[in-house]
């Protein structure tokens, strides 16, 4: 659907613009190694976008750059090129392109790729998101909310869950950078997150609650591994959360109108 200038590519481009502070600071800290990882994932994702463009006459999406950035930042380290190539191809194709491209997909392709790599290569070390990079997610959230491509309700729902976990004595000091980065890169995807008002609150709260539960009981997991697992389950539950929100609205409407 196109409404004025707001087609799906405008949304994808605005999402990419919102992520610029995080990408720029991460590249500044990562140097040539980070740039090399980003270029690799851009090439792989771009290759599959071009293949599907030729097969379906569908232009590539700016969302592929967001996918490449998320993978460059969060994919397990010290994996060979073949493993990364297989994992990225699986996530981009199965998670996005087979559904008709970004805007029609059910799950974020970066989340699918990261989950695939985590299951397929459980011994691979996950990257560490340092504190300054985590703080760089805050301007991303502000820009995303201001431009309308990210949901404030999802962020507030996650923040409320984190606050409850902290109040119960859970130490989030070592994981909050990864939690923030995962929130803006994976959970707040404008396509795969919940769309109703209540559903967005529940979506964010579910992500925060799952992350807190994994942190409390999954002692051997790395912070990024916890974030990816929580983001995957929260994304899978997003349609159900919207259905719950719609069902509650219909029930209130029947009670009010008879």
Protein backbone atom coordinates (compact mmCIF):
# COMPACT_ATOMS: atom_id res chain seq x y z
CA UNK A 1 0.00 0.00 0.00
CA UNK A 2 1.24 3.49 -0.86
CA UNK A 3 -0.03 6.55 0.97
CA UNK A 4 1.64 9.63 -0.48
CA UNK A 5 5.39 9.29 -0.03
CA UNK A 6 5.04 6.63 2.65
CA UNK A 7 5.58 3.42 0.76
CA UNK A 8 7.51 0.52 2.28
CA UNK A 9 10.86 1.75 0.93
CA UNK A 10 10.37 5.14 2.56
CA UNK A 11 9.80 3.38 5.88
CA UNK A 12 12.88 1.18 5.34
CA UNK A 13 15.01 4.20 4.46
CA UNK A 14 13.80 6.13 7.51
CA UNK A 15 14.59 3.11 9.68
CA UNK A 16 18.09 3.04 8.23
CA UNK A 17 18.50 6.77 8.87
CA UNK A 18 17.39 6.29 12.48
CA UNK A 19 20.05 3.60 12.93
CA UNK A 20 22.85 5.84 11.63
CA UNK A 21 24.17 6.94 15.09
CA UNK A 22 24.48 3.31 16.20
CA UNK A 23 26.09 2.21 12.94
CA UNK A 24 28.53 5.12 12.89
CA UNK A 25 29.68 4.64 16.48
CA UNK A 26 29.96 0.87 16.10
CA UNK A 27 32.08 1.28 12.97
CA UNK A 28 34.22 3.86 14.75
CA UNK A 29 34.88 1.40 17.58
CA UNK A 30 35.17 -1.67 15.34
CA UNK A 31 37.56 -0.18 12.79
CA UNK A 32 38.50 -2.14 9.68
CA UNK A 33 37.33 -5.46 11.18
CA UNK A 34 33.84 -4.11 11.71
CA UNK A 35 33.80 -2.56 8.26
CA UNK A 36 34.89 -5.85 6.73
CA UNK A 37 32.07 -7.74 8.48
CA UNK A 38 29.53 -5.17 7.34
CA UNK A 39 30.72 -5.33 3.73
CA UNK A 40 30.55 -9.14 3.77
CA UNK A 41 26.95 -9.20 4.98
CA UNK A 42 26.00 -6.42 2.56
CA UNK A 43 27.37 -8.45 -0.34
CA UNK A 44 25.62 -11.67 0.69
CA UNK A 45 22.28 -10.00 1.40
CA UNK A 46 22.59 -7.91 -1.77
CA UNK A 47 23.30 -11.00 -3.86
CA UNK A 48 20.06 -12.68 -2.79
CA UNK A 49 18.09 -9.46 -3.24
CA UNK A 50 19.37 -9.22 -6.81
CA UNK A 51 18.52 -12.89 -7.50
CA UNK A 52 14.93 -12.38 -6.34
CA UNK A 53 14.76 -9.07 -8.20
CA UNK A 54 15.58 -10.88 -11.43
CA UNK A 55 13.16 -13.71 -10.64
CA UNK A 56 10.23 -11.55 -9.54
CA UNK A 57 10.98 -8.12 -11.04
CA UNK A 58 10.98 -6.77 -7.49
CA UNK A 59 13.54 -4.08 -6.60
CA UNK A 60 15.94 -4.61 -3.68
CA UNK A 61 15.00 -3.01 -0.38
CA UNK A 62 16.91 -0.63 1.87
CA UNK A 63 15.93 -3.00 4.67
CA UNK A 64 18.67 -5.31 3.43
CA UNK A 65 21.22 -2.78 4.71
CA UNK A 66 19.58 -2.88 8.15
CA UNK A 67 19.78 -6.68 8.09
CA UNK A 68 23.48 -6.54 7.17
CA UNK A 69 24.18 -4.06 9.99
CA UNK A 70 22.39 -6.22 12.57
CA UNK A 71 24.33 -9.30 11.46
CA UNK A 72 27.66 -7.49 11.43
CA UNK A 73 27.07 -6.33 15.01
CA UNK A 74 25.45 -9.43 16.52
CA UNK A 75 26.53 -12.53 14.56
CA UNK A 76 28.78 -15.02 16.40
CA UNK A 77 32.49 -14.37 15.96
CA UNK A 78 35.22 -16.67 14.66
CA UNK A 79 32.90 -18.48 12.28
CA UNK A 80 34.23 -19.37 8.86
CA UNK A 81 32.99 -17.65 5.73
CA UNK A 82 31.06 -20.77 4.68
CA UNK A 83 29.09 -20.86 7.94
CA UNK A 84 28.30 -17.16 7.76
CA UNK A 85 27.36 -17.48 4.10
CA UNK A 86 24.98 -20.36 4.80
CA UNK A 87 23.43 -18.70 7.83
CA UNK A 88 22.94 -15.34 6.12
CA UNK A 89 21.51 -16.96 2.99
CA UNK A 90 19.05 -18.97 5.10
CA UNK A 91 17.90 -15.95 7.08
CA UNK A 92 17.57 -13.55 4.16
CA UNK A 93 15.84 -16.02 1.85
CA UNK A 94 13.66 -17.97 4.30
CA UNK A 95 13.05 -15.10 6.70
CA UNK A 96 12.24 -12.42 4.13
CA UNK A 97 12.48 -12.94 0.38
CA UNK A 98 10.29 -16.04 0.03
CA UNK A 99 7.43 -14.02 1.52
CA UNK A 100 7.75 -11.36 -1.16
CA UNK A 101 10.39 -9.14 0.38
CA UNK A 102 10.52 -6.77 3.31
CA UNK A 103 7.09 -5.53 4.27
CA UNK A 104 5.50 -8.95 3.81
CA UNK A 105 7.80 -11.07 5.99
CA UNK A 106 6.70 -12.60 9.28
CA UNK A 107 10.06 -12.53 11.10
CA UNK A 108 13.01 -10.19 10.98
CA UNK A 109 15.59 -11.82 8.65
CA UNK A 110 18.47 -10.85 10.93
CA UNK A 111 16.76 -12.54 13.86
CA UNK A 112 16.23 -15.68 11.78
CA UNK A 113 19.88 -15.68 10.70
CA UNK A 114 21.20 -15.18 14.22
CA UNK A 115 18.96 -17.91 15.63
CA UNK A 116 20.08 -20.26 12.85
CA UNK A 117 23.75 -19.57 13.59
CA UNK A 118 23.16 -19.98 17.32
CA UNK A 119 21.51 -23.37 16.89
CA UNK A 120 23.87 -24.54 14.18
CA UNK A 121 27.10 -23.45 15.85
CA UNK A 122 26.44 -23.41 19.61
CA UNK A 123 30.13 -23.27 20.52
CA UNK A 124 30.84 -20.11 18.52
CA UNK A 125 31.53 -17.08 20.73
CA UNK A 126 28.99 -14.27 20.58
CA UNK A 127 30.26 -10.67 20.30
CA UNK A 128 30.27 -8.37 23.29
CA UNK A 129 28.36 -5.12 22.99
CA UNK A 130 30.38 -2.55 24.91
CA UNK A 131 28.69 0.12 27.01
CA UNK A 132 29.34 3.10 24.66
CA UNK A 133 27.75 1.21 21.75
CA UNK A 134 24.77 0.39 23.95
CA UNK A 135 24.28 4.06 24.78
CA UNK A 136 24.37 4.85 21.04
CA UNK A 137 21.05 2.99 20.80
CA UNK A 138 19.32 5.80 22.70
CA UNK A 139 19.51 8.42 19.91
CA UNK A 140 18.37 5.69 17.53
CA UNK A 141 15.26 5.21 19.66
CA UNK A 142 14.59 8.96 19.74
CA UNK A 143 14.95 9.33 15.98
CA UNK A 144 12.90 6.20 15.32
CA UNK A 145 10.03 7.37 17.51
CA UNK A 146 10.18 10.92 16.12
CA UNK A 147 9.97 9.67 12.52
CA UNK A 148 7.30 7.10 13.35
CA UNK A 149 9.23 4.01 12.24
CA UNK A 150 9.70 2.66 15.76
CA UNK A 151 7.06 2.18 18.41
CA UNK A 152 7.40 4.05 21.68
CA UNK A 153 4.97 1.58 23.28
CA UNK A 154 7.26 -1.35 22.51
CA UNK A 155 10.18 0.48 24.08
CA UNK A 156 8.18 1.47 27.14
CA UNK A 157 6.86 -2.06 27.53
CA UNK A 158 10.40 -3.44 27.44
CA UNK A 159 11.60 -0.73 29.82
CA UNK A 160 8.82 -1.57 32.26
CA UNK A 161 9.79 -5.25 32.20
CA UNK A 162 13.45 -4.36 32.75
CA UNK A 163 12.50 -2.09 35.65
CA UNK A 164 10.48 -4.87 37.30
CA UNK A 165 13.37 -7.31 36.85
CA UNK A 166 15.81 -4.81 38.34
CA UNK A 167 13.42 -4.18 41.24
CA UNK A 168 13.36 -7.93 41.91
CA UNK A 169 17.12 -7.93 42.26
CA UNK A 170 18.24 -9.01 38.77
CA UNK A 171 21.56 -7.45 37.78
CA UNK A 172 21.30 -5.94 34.30
CA UNK A 173 24.57 -4.02 34.41
CA UNK A 174 26.46 -6.35 32.08
CA UNK A 175 23.65 -7.02 29.63
CA UNK A 176 21.85 -3.71 29.13
CA UNK A 177 24.03 -2.61 26.15
CA UNK A 178 23.05 -5.75 24.23
CA UNK A 179 19.43 -5.43 25.39
CA UNK A 180 19.20 -1.88 24.03
CA UNK A 181 20.87 -2.72 20.73
CA UNK A 182 18.66 -5.78 20.24
CA UNK A 183 15.59 -3.69 21.00
CA UNK A 184 16.21 -1.14 18.23
CA UNK A 185 17.73 -3.54 15.70
CA UNK A 186 15.48 -6.59 16.04
CA UNK A 187 12.42 -6.07 18.21
CA UNK A 188 11.30 -2.66 16.91
CA UNK A 189 11.23 -3.80 13.28
CA UNK A 190 8.20 -1.86 11.95
CA UNK A 191 7.08 -4.90 9.92
CA UNK A 192 7.45 -7.84 12.30
CA UNK A 193 6.51 -6.19 15.60
CA UNK A 194 2.96 -5.89 16.94
CA UNK A 195 0.72 -3.22 15.38
CA UNK A 196 -2.10 -2.64 17.88
CA UNK A 197 -1.63 -0.32 20.84
CA UNK A 198 -2.02 -2.98 23.51
CA UNK A 199 -0.14 -5.48 21.36
CA UNK A 200 2.88 -3.19 21.23
CA UNK A 201 2.94 -2.83 25.00
CA UNK A 202 2.73 -6.60 25.33
CA UNK A 203 5.36 -7.13 22.62
CA UNK A 204 7.90 -4.97 24.42
CA UNK A 205 7.04 -6.41 27.81
CA UNK A 206 7.38 -9.96 26.47
CA UNK A 207 10.82 -9.20 25.06
CA UNK A 208 11.94 -7.66 28.33
CA UNK A 209 10.41 -10.43 30.43
CA UNK A 210 11.95 -13.20 28.34
CA UNK A 211 15.35 -11.52 28.39
CA UNK A 212 15.15 -11.16 32.17
CA UNK A 213 14.08 -14.80 32.59
CA UNK A 214 16.93 -16.04 30.38
CA UNK A 215 19.38 -13.85 32.25
CA UNK A 216 18.22 -15.27 35.56
CA UNK A 217 18.13 -18.97 34.64
CA UNK A 218 20.37 -19.37 31.58
CA UNK A 219 23.66 -18.86 33.34
CA UNK A 220 25.97 -19.96 30.51
CA UNK A 221 24.42 -17.79 27.80
CA UNK A 222 26.12 -14.68 26.44
CA UNK A 223 24.25 -11.37 26.49
CA UNK A 224 23.74 -11.28 22.72
CA UNK A 225 22.55 -14.89 22.75
CA UNK A 226 19.92 -13.96 25.34
CA UNK A 227 18.84 -10.97 23.27
CA UNK A 228 18.50 -13.00 20.07
CA UNK A 229 16.47 -15.73 21.80
CA UNK A 230 14.14 -13.22 23.45
CA UNK A 231 13.72 -11.25 20.22
CA UNK A 232 12.89 -14.39 18.25
CA UNK A 233 10.21 -15.55 20.69
CA UNK A 234 8.75 -12.04 21.03
CA UNK A 235 8.53 -11.71 17.24
CA UNK A 236 6.85 -15.11 16.91
CA UNK A 237 4.29 -14.04 19.50
CA UNK A 238 3.56 -10.63 17.92
CA UNK A 239 0.56 -11.80 15.80
CA UNK A 240 -0.94 -13.57 18.81
CA UNK A 241 -0.53 -10.44 20.93
CA UNK A 242 -2.35 -8.41 18.28
CA UNK A 243 -5.13 -11.02 18.22
CA UNK A 244 -5.45 -10.76 22.00
CA UNK A 245 -5.63 -6.97 21.78
CA UNK A 246 -8.31 -7.12 19.07
CA UNK A 247 -10.32 -9.73 20.99
CA UNK A 248 -10.28 -7.57 24.12
CA UNK A 249 -11.36 -4.52 22.10
CA UNK A 250 -14.25 -6.47 20.56
CA UNK A 251 -15.31 -7.73 23.99
CA UNK A 252 -15.37 -4.18 25.39
CA UNK A 253 -17.33 -3.02 22.35
CA UNK A 254 -19.95 -5.75 22.82
CA UNK A 255 -20.36 -4.89 26.51
CA UNK A 256 -20.73 -1.20 25.70
CA UNK A 257 -23.02 -1.48 22.68
CA UNK A 258 -24.76 -4.75 23.45
